[in-house]
N, C-alpha and C. Protein backbone atom coordinates (compact mmCIF):
# COMPACT_ATOMS: atom_id res chain seq x y z
N MET A 1 172.75 57.11 84.65
CA MET A 1 172.34 57.44 83.28
C MET A 1 173.35 58.39 82.66
N SER A 2 173.76 58.12 81.41
CA SER A 2 174.76 58.96 80.75
C SER A 2 174.21 59.42 79.42
N GLU A 3 174.42 60.68 79.10
CA GLU A 3 173.96 61.22 77.84
C GLU A 3 175.12 61.94 77.18
N GLU A 4 175.29 61.73 75.85
CA GLU A 4 176.30 62.46 75.12
C GLU A 4 175.75 63.84 74.78
N LEU A 5 176.61 64.84 74.92
CA LEU A 5 176.18 66.21 74.70
C LEU A 5 175.61 66.40 73.31
N GLY A 6 176.22 65.73 72.33
CA GLY A 6 175.77 65.90 70.96
C GLY A 6 174.33 65.47 70.74
N ARG A 7 173.79 64.68 71.65
CA ARG A 7 172.42 64.19 71.49
C ARG A 7 171.41 65.02 72.26
N ILE A 8 171.87 66.03 72.98
CA ILE A 8 170.96 66.87 73.75
C ILE A 8 170.44 67.98 72.85
N GLU A 9 169.14 68.05 72.64
CA GLU A 9 168.55 69.06 71.79
C GLU A 9 167.62 69.94 72.61
N LYS A 10 168.16 71.06 73.09
CA LYS A 10 167.40 72.03 73.85
C LYS A 10 166.48 71.40 74.90
N PRO A 11 167.07 70.69 75.89
CA PRO A 11 166.23 70.09 76.91
C PRO A 11 165.52 71.15 77.72
N PRO A 12 164.28 70.91 78.13
CA PRO A 12 163.59 71.91 78.95
C PRO A 12 164.33 72.13 80.24
N ALA A 13 164.53 73.41 80.61
CA ALA A 13 165.32 73.75 81.79
C ALA A 13 164.75 73.14 83.05
N GLU A 14 163.42 73.02 83.13
CA GLU A 14 162.82 72.49 84.35
C GLU A 14 163.16 71.03 84.58
N ARG A 15 163.52 70.33 83.50
CA ARG A 15 163.88 68.92 83.65
C ARG A 15 165.10 68.75 84.54
N PHE A 16 166.03 69.72 84.46
CA PHE A 16 167.29 69.62 85.19
C PHE A 16 167.35 70.59 86.37
N ALA A 17 166.23 71.21 86.70
CA ALA A 17 166.23 72.18 87.78
C ALA A 17 166.56 71.53 89.11
N ARG A 18 166.16 70.28 89.27
CA ARG A 18 166.42 69.57 90.51
C ARG A 18 167.24 68.31 90.24
N GLY A 19 167.96 67.88 91.26
CA GLY A 19 168.76 66.68 91.11
C GLY A 19 170.23 66.98 90.83
N ARG A 20 171.07 66.01 91.12
CA ARG A 20 172.51 66.18 90.94
C ARG A 20 172.91 65.86 89.50
N LYS A 21 173.80 66.68 88.96
CA LYS A 21 174.28 66.51 87.60
C LYS A 21 175.80 66.46 87.57
N LEU A 22 176.35 65.75 86.60
CA LEU A 22 177.81 65.65 86.47
C LEU A 22 178.19 65.71 85.01
N TYR A 23 179.08 66.66 84.68
CA TYR A 23 179.61 66.76 83.32
C TYR A 23 180.91 65.95 83.27
N LEU A 24 180.94 64.96 82.41
CA LEU A 24 182.08 64.04 82.33
C LEU A 24 182.99 64.44 81.17
N VAL A 25 184.22 64.85 81.49
CA VAL A 25 185.15 65.34 80.47
C VAL A 25 186.33 64.37 80.33
N PRO A 26 186.49 63.71 79.17
CA PRO A 26 187.64 62.83 78.96
C PRO A 26 188.94 63.64 78.95
N LEU A 27 189.94 63.13 79.63
CA LEU A 27 191.22 63.84 79.69
C LEU A 27 192.08 63.53 78.48
N VAL A 28 192.63 64.57 77.90
CA VAL A 28 193.62 64.45 76.84
C VAL A 28 194.88 65.13 77.34
N TYR A 29 195.96 64.36 77.43
CA TYR A 29 197.21 64.89 77.98
C TYR A 29 198.19 65.26 76.87
N SER A 30 199.03 66.23 77.15
CA SER A 30 200.12 66.61 76.25
C SER A 30 201.43 66.56 77.02
N SER A 31 202.52 66.43 76.28
CA SER A 31 203.84 66.44 76.91
C SER A 31 204.86 66.99 75.93
N LYS A 32 206.09 67.15 76.41
CA LYS A 32 207.15 67.66 75.55
C LYS A 32 207.50 66.68 74.44
N ASP A 33 207.17 65.40 74.64
CA ASP A 33 207.56 64.37 73.68
C ASP A 33 206.46 64.04 72.68
N THR A 34 205.36 64.77 72.68
CA THR A 34 204.29 64.45 71.74
C THR A 34 204.75 64.71 70.31
N PRO A 35 204.36 63.85 69.38
CA PRO A 35 204.80 64.00 67.98
C PRO A 35 204.16 65.22 67.32
N PRO A 36 204.79 65.73 66.26
CA PRO A 36 204.24 66.89 65.54
C PRO A 36 202.81 66.62 65.07
N GLY A 37 201.96 67.59 65.28
CA GLY A 37 200.57 67.45 64.87
C GLY A 37 199.63 67.14 66.02
N TYR A 38 200.16 66.59 67.10
CA TYR A 38 199.30 66.22 68.23
C TYR A 38 198.83 67.45 69.01
N ASP A 39 199.76 68.37 69.29
CA ASP A 39 199.41 69.54 70.10
C ASP A 39 198.30 70.38 69.45
N GLU A 40 198.35 70.48 68.14
CA GLU A 40 197.31 71.24 67.42
C GLU A 40 195.95 70.60 67.64
N ARG A 41 195.88 69.29 67.56
CA ARG A 41 194.62 68.58 67.75
C ARG A 41 194.17 68.64 69.20
N SER A 42 195.14 68.57 70.11
CA SER A 42 194.81 68.67 71.53
C SER A 42 194.22 70.04 71.87
N SER A 43 194.81 71.09 71.32
CA SER A 43 194.31 72.45 71.56
C SER A 43 192.89 72.61 71.03
N ARG A 44 192.65 72.02 69.86
CA ARG A 44 191.31 72.11 69.27
C ARG A 44 190.30 71.35 70.15
N TYR A 45 190.72 70.23 70.68
CA TYR A 45 189.85 69.45 71.56
C TYR A 45 189.44 70.26 72.79
N TRP A 46 190.42 70.86 73.46
CA TRP A 46 190.11 71.59 74.69
C TRP A 46 189.28 72.84 74.43
N GLN A 47 189.46 73.45 73.27
CA GLN A 47 188.62 74.60 72.94
C GLN A 47 187.17 74.15 72.77
N GLN A 48 186.98 72.99 72.14
CA GLN A 48 185.62 72.46 71.97
C GLN A 48 185.02 72.04 73.31
N VAL A 49 185.85 71.54 74.21
CA VAL A 49 185.36 71.19 75.55
C VAL A 49 184.82 72.44 76.25
N LYS A 50 185.58 73.53 76.18
CA LYS A 50 185.14 74.78 76.81
C LYS A 50 183.80 75.24 76.24
N GLU A 51 183.66 75.15 74.93
CA GLU A 51 182.43 75.59 74.28
C GLU A 51 181.25 74.71 74.70
N GLN A 52 181.47 73.40 74.76
CA GLN A 52 180.37 72.51 75.10
C GLN A 52 180.00 72.63 76.58
N LEU A 53 180.98 72.87 77.43
CA LEU A 53 180.68 73.08 78.84
C LEU A 53 179.86 74.36 79.04
N SER A 54 180.21 75.40 78.32
CA SER A 54 179.44 76.64 78.40
C SER A 54 178.01 76.41 77.96
N ASN A 55 177.84 75.61 76.92
CA ASN A 55 176.52 75.28 76.42
C ASN A 55 175.72 74.49 77.47
N LEU A 56 176.39 73.55 78.12
CA LEU A 56 175.74 72.75 79.16
C LEU A 56 175.34 73.61 80.35
N GLU A 57 176.23 74.49 80.76
CA GLU A 57 175.92 75.34 81.91
C GLU A 57 174.73 76.24 81.62
N ALA A 58 174.64 76.72 80.38
CA ALA A 58 173.54 77.61 80.02
C ALA A 58 172.20 76.87 80.01
N LYS A 59 172.24 75.58 79.62
CA LYS A 59 171.00 74.82 79.48
C LYS A 59 170.63 74.04 80.74
N ILE A 60 171.65 73.57 81.47
CA ILE A 60 171.37 72.61 82.53
C ILE A 60 171.73 73.11 83.92
N GLY A 61 172.89 73.74 84.07
CA GLY A 61 173.24 74.22 85.39
C GLY A 61 174.69 74.63 85.54
N LYS A 62 174.90 75.66 86.32
CA LYS A 62 176.23 76.18 86.63
C LYS A 62 177.02 75.16 87.45
N VAL A 63 178.33 75.11 87.21
CA VAL A 63 179.19 74.15 87.90
C VAL A 63 179.46 74.59 89.34
N ASN A 64 179.24 73.67 90.27
CA ASN A 64 179.49 73.93 91.70
C ASN A 64 180.72 73.20 92.24
N ARG A 65 181.04 72.04 91.65
CA ARG A 65 182.14 71.20 92.15
C ARG A 65 183.04 70.78 91.00
N ILE A 66 184.35 70.76 91.28
CA ILE A 66 185.35 70.31 90.31
C ILE A 66 186.01 69.04 90.86
N TYR A 67 186.06 67.99 90.02
CA TYR A 67 186.74 66.75 90.39
C TYR A 67 187.76 66.41 89.30
N HIS A 68 188.91 65.90 89.71
CA HIS A 68 189.97 65.58 88.74
C HIS A 68 190.72 64.34 89.20
N GLU A 69 190.84 63.36 88.30
CA GLU A 69 191.57 62.14 88.65
C GLU A 69 193.02 62.44 88.98
N MET A 70 193.64 61.54 89.76
CA MET A 70 195.06 61.58 90.11
C MET A 70 195.43 62.70 91.08
N ILE A 71 194.45 63.39 91.66
CA ILE A 71 194.75 64.48 92.59
C ILE A 71 194.11 64.18 93.94
N SER A 72 194.92 64.13 94.98
CA SER A 72 194.43 63.77 96.32
C SER A 72 194.49 64.94 97.30
N LEU A 73 194.62 66.16 96.76
CA LEU A 73 194.62 67.36 97.59
C LEU A 73 193.46 68.26 97.17
N ALA A 74 192.93 69.03 98.12
CA ALA A 74 191.77 69.87 97.84
C ALA A 74 192.16 71.33 97.68
N ASP A 75 191.18 72.13 97.29
CA ASP A 75 191.29 73.58 97.24
C ASP A 75 192.50 74.05 96.43
N GLU A 76 193.24 75.04 96.93
CA GLU A 76 194.34 75.64 96.18
C GLU A 76 195.48 74.66 95.93
N GLU A 77 195.76 73.79 96.92
CA GLU A 77 196.84 72.82 96.75
C GLU A 77 196.50 71.85 95.62
N GLY A 78 195.25 71.43 95.59
CA GLY A 78 194.81 70.54 94.51
C GLY A 78 194.88 71.22 93.16
N MET A 79 194.53 72.50 93.11
CA MET A 79 194.60 73.24 91.86
C MET A 79 196.03 73.37 91.35
N LYS A 80 196.99 73.52 92.26
CA LYS A 80 198.39 73.60 91.85
C LYS A 80 198.85 72.28 91.21
N VAL A 81 198.40 71.17 91.80
CA VAL A 81 198.73 69.86 91.23
C VAL A 81 198.10 69.72 89.85
N MET A 82 196.85 70.17 89.71
CA MET A 82 196.16 70.10 88.43
C MET A 82 196.90 70.89 87.36
N GLU A 83 197.42 72.05 87.74
CA GLU A 83 198.14 72.88 86.77
C GLU A 83 199.37 72.17 86.24
N ARG A 84 200.08 71.45 87.12
CA ARG A 84 201.26 70.70 86.68
C ARG A 84 200.86 69.46 85.88
N LEU A 85 199.77 68.85 86.27
CA LEU A 85 199.34 67.59 85.64
C LEU A 85 198.77 67.81 84.25
N ASN A 86 197.90 68.82 84.13
CA ASN A 86 197.25 69.07 82.84
C ASN A 86 196.83 70.54 82.77
N PRO A 87 197.64 71.39 82.17
CA PRO A 87 197.34 72.83 82.12
C PRO A 87 195.99 73.14 81.48
N GLU A 88 195.55 72.31 80.53
CA GLU A 88 194.30 72.58 79.83
C GLU A 88 193.09 72.39 80.75
N SER A 89 193.05 71.27 81.48
CA SER A 89 191.93 71.07 82.40
C SER A 89 192.02 72.06 83.57
N TYR A 90 193.25 72.45 83.91
CA TYR A 90 193.43 73.44 84.97
C TYR A 90 192.78 74.77 84.60
N GLN A 91 192.97 75.20 83.36
CA GLN A 91 192.39 76.47 82.93
C GLN A 91 190.88 76.47 83.08
N ILE A 92 190.26 75.35 82.71
CA ILE A 92 188.81 75.24 82.84
C ILE A 92 188.42 75.22 84.32
N GLY A 93 189.12 74.39 85.10
CA GLY A 93 188.82 74.30 86.53
C GLY A 93 188.98 75.62 87.25
N LYS A 94 190.05 76.34 86.93
CA LYS A 94 190.30 77.63 87.59
C LYS A 94 189.20 78.64 87.25
N SER A 95 188.77 78.66 86.00
CA SER A 95 187.73 79.61 85.62
C SER A 95 186.43 79.32 86.36
N LYS A 96 186.14 78.03 86.58
CA LYS A 96 184.92 77.67 87.32
C LYS A 96 185.07 78.01 88.80
N CYS A 97 186.26 77.79 89.36
CA CYS A 97 186.49 78.13 90.77
C CYS A 97 186.45 79.65 90.98
N ASP A 98 186.97 80.40 90.01
CA ASP A 98 186.90 81.86 90.10
C ASP A 98 185.44 82.34 90.07
N ASN A 99 184.57 81.47 89.54
CA ASN A 99 183.16 81.82 89.44
C ASN A 99 182.33 81.16 90.55
N GLY A 100 183.04 80.64 91.60
CA GLY A 100 182.33 80.14 92.76
C GLY A 100 182.35 78.64 92.98
N ALA A 101 182.90 77.87 92.03
CA ALA A 101 182.95 76.42 92.20
C ALA A 101 184.02 76.04 93.22
N VAL A 102 183.93 74.83 93.76
CA VAL A 102 184.88 74.33 94.76
C VAL A 102 185.61 73.11 94.20
N PHE A 103 186.94 73.09 94.35
CA PHE A 103 187.72 71.93 93.93
C PHE A 103 187.71 70.90 95.05
N GLU A 104 187.26 69.68 94.74
CA GLU A 104 187.10 68.63 95.74
C GLU A 104 188.11 67.50 95.55
N VAL A 105 188.53 66.89 96.65
CA VAL A 105 189.38 65.70 96.60
C VAL A 105 188.55 64.52 96.11
N ILE A 106 189.07 63.79 95.13
CA ILE A 106 188.36 62.61 94.64
C ILE A 106 189.21 61.35 94.73
N GLU A 107 190.50 61.50 94.99
CA GLU A 107 191.42 60.37 95.01
C GLU A 107 192.00 60.14 96.40
N ASN A 108 192.34 58.87 96.68
CA ASN A 108 193.11 58.49 97.85
C ASN A 108 194.54 58.22 97.39
N GLU A 109 195.49 58.92 97.97
CA GLU A 109 196.88 58.84 97.50
C GLU A 109 197.42 57.41 97.49
N GLU A 110 197.13 56.65 98.54
CA GLU A 110 197.63 55.27 98.64
C GLU A 110 197.01 54.38 97.57
N LEU A 111 195.72 54.55 97.32
CA LEU A 111 195.04 53.73 96.30
C LEU A 111 195.56 54.06 94.90
N VAL A 112 195.84 55.33 94.65
CA VAL A 112 196.40 55.72 93.35
C VAL A 112 197.77 55.09 93.16
N ALA A 113 198.63 55.18 94.19
CA ALA A 113 199.98 54.63 94.10
C ALA A 113 199.94 53.12 93.88
N GLU A 114 199.05 52.43 94.60
CA GLU A 114 198.94 50.98 94.45
C GLU A 114 198.51 50.62 93.03
N ASN A 115 197.53 51.34 92.51
CA ASN A 115 197.04 51.08 91.17
C ASN A 115 198.13 51.29 90.12
N ILE A 116 198.89 52.37 90.26
CA ILE A 116 199.97 52.68 89.31
C ILE A 116 201.06 51.62 89.38
N ASP A 117 201.44 51.21 90.60
CA ASP A 117 202.52 50.23 90.75
C ASP A 117 202.17 48.88 90.13
N TRP A 118 200.94 48.41 90.35
CA TRP A 118 200.53 47.13 89.74
C TRP A 118 200.48 47.27 88.22
N GLY A 119 200.07 48.45 87.74
CA GLY A 119 200.05 48.68 86.30
C GLY A 119 201.45 48.62 85.70
N LYS A 120 202.43 49.18 86.41
CA LYS A 120 203.81 49.12 85.95
C LYS A 120 204.32 47.69 85.89
N CYS A 121 203.93 46.90 86.87
CA CYS A 121 204.33 45.49 86.88
C CYS A 121 203.81 44.76 85.65
N LEU A 122 202.60 45.08 85.23
CA LEU A 122 202.02 44.43 84.05
C LEU A 122 202.76 44.82 82.78
N LEU A 123 203.30 46.03 82.76
CA LEU A 123 203.94 46.55 81.54
C LEU A 123 205.35 45.98 81.31
N ILE A 124 205.98 45.43 82.34
CA ILE A 124 207.38 45.01 82.19
C ILE A 124 207.51 43.69 81.44
N GLY A 125 206.39 42.96 81.26
CA GLY A 125 206.45 41.70 80.52
C GLY A 125 206.95 40.56 81.38
N LEU A 126 206.09 40.01 82.20
CA LEU A 126 206.46 38.94 83.13
C LEU A 126 206.58 37.61 82.39
N LEU A 127 207.60 36.81 82.75
CA LEU A 127 207.84 35.54 82.08
C LEU A 127 206.87 34.46 82.54
N SER A 128 206.52 34.47 83.80
CA SER A 128 205.63 33.45 84.36
C SER A 128 204.17 33.84 84.16
N LEU A 129 203.40 32.96 83.50
CA LEU A 129 201.98 33.21 83.29
C LEU A 129 201.24 33.24 84.63
N LYS A 130 201.66 32.40 85.55
CA LYS A 130 201.03 32.37 86.86
C LYS A 130 201.21 33.70 87.59
N VAL A 131 202.43 34.22 87.55
CA VAL A 131 202.71 35.50 88.20
C VAL A 131 201.96 36.63 87.49
N ALA A 132 201.94 36.60 86.15
CA ALA A 132 201.26 37.63 85.38
C ALA A 132 199.76 37.67 85.72
N ASN A 133 199.16 36.48 85.84
CA ASN A 133 197.74 36.41 86.18
C ASN A 133 197.48 36.96 87.58
N LYS A 134 198.39 36.65 88.49
CA LYS A 134 198.23 37.13 89.86
C LYS A 134 198.38 38.66 89.93
N VAL A 135 199.36 39.19 89.21
CA VAL A 135 199.55 40.63 89.17
C VAL A 135 198.33 41.31 88.56
N SER A 136 197.77 40.68 87.50
CA SER A 136 196.58 41.23 86.87
C SER A 136 195.41 41.27 87.85
N GLU A 137 195.29 40.24 88.68
CA GLU A 137 194.23 40.22 89.70
C GLU A 137 194.42 41.35 90.70
N PHE A 138 195.66 41.54 91.13
CA PHE A 138 195.96 42.61 92.09
C PHE A 138 195.64 43.99 91.49
N HIS A 139 195.99 44.15 90.21
CA HIS A 139 195.74 45.43 89.54
C HIS A 139 194.23 45.68 89.42
N THR A 140 193.49 44.65 89.06
CA THR A 140 192.03 44.77 88.94
C THR A 140 191.40 45.13 90.28
N GLU A 141 191.87 44.49 91.34
CA GLU A 141 191.33 44.76 92.67
C GLU A 141 191.68 46.18 93.13
N ALA A 142 192.91 46.60 92.85
CA ALA A 142 193.33 47.95 93.22
C ALA A 142 192.50 49.00 92.47
N SER A 143 192.25 48.75 91.19
CA SER A 143 191.44 49.66 90.39
C SER A 143 190.01 49.74 90.93
N LYS A 144 189.48 48.58 91.31
CA LYS A 144 188.12 48.52 91.84
C LYS A 144 188.00 49.37 93.11
N LYS A 145 188.97 49.22 94.02
CA LYS A 145 188.96 50.00 95.27
C LYS A 145 189.09 51.49 94.98
N ARG A 146 189.94 51.82 94.02
CA ARG A 146 190.14 53.23 93.68
C ARG A 146 188.85 53.85 93.16
N TYR A 147 188.20 53.18 92.22
CA TYR A 147 186.97 53.72 91.64
C TYR A 147 185.84 53.77 92.66
N GLU A 148 185.80 52.82 93.56
CA GLU A 148 184.79 52.86 94.62
C GLU A 148 185.00 54.08 95.52
N PHE A 149 186.27 54.38 95.81
CA PHE A 149 186.57 55.56 96.62
C PHE A 149 186.14 56.83 95.90
N MET A 150 186.43 56.90 94.61
CA MET A 150 186.08 58.08 93.83
C MET A 150 184.56 58.29 93.80
N ALA A 151 183.82 57.20 93.58
CA ALA A 151 182.36 57.30 93.55
C ALA A 151 181.82 57.77 94.90
N LYS A 152 182.43 57.25 95.97
CA LYS A 152 181.99 57.65 97.32
C LYS A 152 182.24 59.13 97.55
N ARG A 153 183.39 59.62 97.10
CA ARG A 153 183.71 61.04 97.30
C ARG A 153 182.73 61.94 96.53
N ILE A 154 182.40 61.54 95.32
CA ILE A 154 181.44 62.33 94.55
C ILE A 154 180.09 62.33 95.26
N ASP A 155 179.68 61.16 95.74
CA ASP A 155 178.40 61.03 96.43
C ASP A 155 178.36 61.88 97.70
N GLU A 156 179.49 61.96 98.39
CA GLU A 156 179.54 62.70 99.65
C GLU A 156 179.58 64.22 99.45
N THR A 157 180.17 64.66 98.35
CA THR A 157 180.42 66.10 98.18
C THR A 157 179.45 66.81 97.25
N LEU A 158 178.89 66.10 96.26
CA LEU A 158 177.96 66.72 95.33
C LEU A 158 176.58 66.75 95.99
N GLN A 159 176.15 67.93 96.35
CA GLN A 159 174.96 68.09 97.16
C GLN A 159 173.69 68.33 96.33
N GLY A 160 172.54 68.09 97.00
CA GLY A 160 171.21 68.45 96.49
C GLY A 160 171.07 68.60 95.00
N ASP A 161 170.97 69.84 94.56
CA ASP A 161 170.75 70.14 93.14
C ASP A 161 172.01 70.66 92.47
N GLU A 162 173.17 70.29 93.00
CA GLU A 162 174.43 70.82 92.47
C GLU A 162 174.86 70.11 91.19
N THR A 163 175.80 70.76 90.51
CA THR A 163 176.37 70.24 89.27
C THR A 163 177.89 70.21 89.39
N GLY A 164 178.50 69.13 88.93
CA GLY A 164 179.95 69.01 89.00
C GLY A 164 180.57 68.70 87.65
N ILE A 165 181.88 68.88 87.56
CA ILE A 165 182.67 68.45 86.40
C ILE A 165 183.66 67.40 86.89
N LEU A 166 183.74 66.30 86.17
CA LEU A 166 184.75 65.28 86.46
C LEU A 166 185.67 65.14 85.26
N PHE A 167 186.96 65.41 85.46
CA PHE A 167 187.99 65.19 84.45
C PHE A 167 188.60 63.81 84.72
N ILE A 168 188.45 62.90 83.76
CA ILE A 168 188.92 61.54 84.00
C ILE A 168 189.32 60.90 82.67
N SER A 169 190.28 59.98 82.72
CA SER A 169 190.75 59.30 81.52
C SER A 169 189.65 58.42 80.93
N GLN A 170 189.70 58.24 79.63
CA GLN A 170 188.76 57.34 78.98
C GLN A 170 189.07 55.89 79.39
N GLY A 171 188.07 55.05 79.32
CA GLY A 171 188.27 53.65 79.68
C GLY A 171 188.15 53.39 81.16
N HIS A 172 187.68 54.37 81.91
CA HIS A 172 187.54 54.18 83.36
C HIS A 172 186.38 53.24 83.66
N SER A 173 186.34 52.72 84.89
CA SER A 173 185.25 51.82 85.32
C SER A 173 184.49 52.41 86.50
N LEU A 174 184.42 53.71 86.55
CA LEU A 174 183.74 54.38 87.66
C LEU A 174 182.23 54.24 87.52
N GLN A 175 181.59 53.74 88.58
CA GLN A 175 180.14 53.60 88.62
C GLN A 175 179.56 54.74 89.45
N PHE A 176 178.73 55.56 88.82
CA PHE A 176 178.19 56.74 89.50
C PHE A 176 176.93 56.40 90.28
N PRO A 177 176.68 57.12 91.38
CA PRO A 177 175.43 56.94 92.12
C PRO A 177 174.22 57.09 91.19
N ASN A 178 173.18 56.28 91.42
CA ASN A 178 172.04 56.23 90.52
C ASN A 178 171.30 57.55 90.38
N ASP A 179 171.36 58.39 91.41
CA ASP A 179 170.59 59.64 91.35
C ASP A 179 171.34 60.79 90.70
N ILE A 180 172.54 60.52 90.20
CA ILE A 180 173.32 61.56 89.51
C ILE A 180 173.16 61.37 88.00
N GLU A 181 172.70 62.41 87.33
CA GLU A 181 172.58 62.35 85.87
C GLU A 181 173.90 62.80 85.25
N VAL A 182 174.48 61.92 84.45
CA VAL A 182 175.81 62.16 83.88
C VAL A 182 175.69 62.55 82.41
N PHE A 183 176.37 63.64 82.04
CA PHE A 183 176.41 64.12 80.67
C PHE A 183 177.84 64.01 80.16
N SER A 184 178.05 63.17 79.15
CA SER A 184 179.39 62.96 78.60
C SER A 184 179.72 64.03 77.57
N VAL A 185 180.75 64.79 77.84
CA VAL A 185 181.24 65.79 76.89
C VAL A 185 182.16 65.08 75.90
N PHE A 186 181.77 65.07 74.64
CA PHE A 186 182.52 64.31 73.64
C PHE A 186 182.64 65.13 72.36
N PRO A 187 183.57 66.08 72.32
CA PRO A 187 183.73 66.94 71.14
C PRO A 187 184.20 66.16 69.92
N PRO A 188 183.91 66.65 68.72
CA PRO A 188 184.36 65.99 67.49
C PRO A 188 185.88 65.81 67.44
N ALA A 189 186.61 66.73 68.03
CA ALA A 189 188.08 66.67 67.99
C ALA A 189 188.61 65.43 68.70
N LEU A 190 187.84 64.83 69.61
CA LEU A 190 188.31 63.63 70.30
C LEU A 190 188.40 62.46 69.33
N ASP A 191 187.40 62.31 68.46
CA ASP A 191 187.46 61.28 67.42
C ASP A 191 188.63 61.53 66.48
N GLU A 192 188.87 62.79 66.20
CA GLU A 192 189.99 63.16 65.32
C GLU A 192 191.32 62.73 65.95
N ILE A 193 191.47 62.94 67.24
CA ILE A 193 192.69 62.53 67.94
C ILE A 193 192.85 61.02 67.90
N HIS A 194 191.75 60.29 68.13
CA HIS A 194 191.80 58.83 68.10
C HIS A 194 192.26 58.32 66.72
N ARG A 195 191.67 58.89 65.67
CA ARG A 195 192.05 58.47 64.31
C ARG A 195 193.50 58.79 64.02
N TRP A 196 193.94 59.97 64.46
CA TRP A 196 195.32 60.39 64.22
C TRP A 196 196.31 59.46 64.94
N LEU A 197 196.00 59.09 66.17
CA LEU A 197 196.87 58.19 66.93
C LEU A 197 196.93 56.80 66.28
N ARG A 198 195.77 56.32 65.80
CA ARG A 198 195.77 55.02 65.11
C ARG A 198 196.63 55.07 63.86
N ASP A 199 196.56 56.19 63.14
CA ASP A 199 197.37 56.35 61.93
C ASP A 199 198.86 56.35 62.27
N GLN A 200 199.22 56.99 63.38
CA GLN A 200 200.61 57.03 63.79
C GLN A 200 201.14 55.63 64.10
N VAL A 201 200.32 54.84 64.79
CA VAL A 201 200.70 53.47 65.12
C VAL A 201 200.85 52.64 63.84
N ARG A 202 199.90 52.80 62.91
CA ARG A 202 199.95 52.06 61.65
C ARG A 202 201.22 52.40 60.86
N LYS A 203 201.55 53.69 60.81
CA LYS A 203 202.74 54.11 60.08
C LYS A 203 204.02 53.54 60.69
N GLU A 204 204.05 53.49 62.03
CA GLU A 204 205.22 52.92 62.71
C GLU A 204 205.34 51.44 62.42
N GLN A 205 204.21 50.75 62.40
CA GLN A 205 204.22 49.31 62.12
C GLN A 205 204.66 49.03 60.69
N GLU A 206 204.23 49.87 59.75
CA GLU A 206 204.61 49.70 58.35
C GLU A 206 206.09 50.01 58.13
N ALA A 207 206.62 50.93 58.94
CA ALA A 207 208.02 51.32 58.79
C ALA A 207 208.98 50.31 59.40
N GLU A 208 208.50 49.51 60.36
CA GLU A 208 209.38 48.57 61.07
C GLU A 208 210.02 47.54 60.14
N PRO A 209 209.26 46.86 59.26
CA PRO A 209 209.91 45.89 58.36
C PRO A 209 210.97 46.52 57.47
N LYS A 210 210.74 47.78 57.04
CA LYS A 210 211.72 48.46 56.21
C LYS A 210 213.01 48.70 56.97
N LYS A 211 212.90 49.05 58.25
CA LYS A 211 214.08 49.26 59.07
C LYS A 211 214.87 47.97 59.23
N GLU A 212 214.15 46.85 59.39
CA GLU A 212 214.80 45.55 59.55
C GLU A 212 215.53 45.16 58.28
N GLU A 213 214.92 45.44 57.12
CA GLU A 213 215.56 45.12 55.85
C GLU A 213 216.83 45.96 55.65
N GLU A 214 216.74 47.24 56.02
CA GLU A 214 217.91 48.12 55.89
C GLU A 214 219.04 47.66 56.78
N THR A 215 218.70 47.16 57.97
CA THR A 215 219.71 46.65 58.91
C THR A 215 220.39 45.42 58.33
N LYS A 216 219.62 44.54 57.72
CA LYS A 216 220.19 43.32 57.12
C LYS A 216 221.12 43.66 55.98
N ASP A 217 220.72 44.64 55.16
CA ASP A 217 221.54 45.04 54.01
C ASP A 217 222.89 45.60 54.45
N GLU A 218 222.91 46.24 55.62
CA GLU A 218 224.17 46.80 56.11
C GLU A 218 225.12 45.70 56.56
C-alpha cells in the first residue's frame, strides 16, 4: 500500500504505532553539467523533502533504517559512497544516522553492474531488431533480479515496528512486502522540476530546425 504525503491529514498516531513503515523518496540528481536554473529547483526540492520527512517522523515514526539505490556497501563505507553519489540525500541520511538510524545494504554489486551494462547496450542504437529485442529481454530480466534482491533486503532488515527511508529513482519496479506500509514523499518542487525539464526539451527541439536552416544558408 502506498500513500502520498500530501493526502495524509493528521492520521491518528495509534494507527501507525505497530507495523513496518517505509518513506519513499524520489532521487533528484545534480551534476556539474546541469543547465542554469536546475540547481535552484533541485535545492528547493530537497529542502521540501527534509520538511516532509520531519512531518512524517512526527506523525508516524522515527527513522530506523536508511536504504539507497546503487550502493552495495553498509555503514560508514556505504555513507561515503552516498556522499559522492548524491550529496543531498547523503545530508538527510547522515542526520538520521547521527540520530540512531542504521544505513543498510540494499544492492548487489553484480546485479547493479549487469543492469547498467544492458541499459548501455540499449542506448547505443542497435541496427538489428532481433538483437535489440534480445538485449531488451536481458535488461528486463536483470532489472527484475535487481529489484527482487532489493525487496528481499528490505524485508530482511526492516524489523517489527521499524520505519525506513528508501532513496530511489522514479520509474522503479520495486514490489514491497505486503506488510510494509509505504508513504511516497512527493514535494511540489518535483512537479516543478518535471515541467522545467519538459520545457528544456521542447526549446531544444524548436531550436533544432533553426540551426539546420542556418547551416544550409552558410
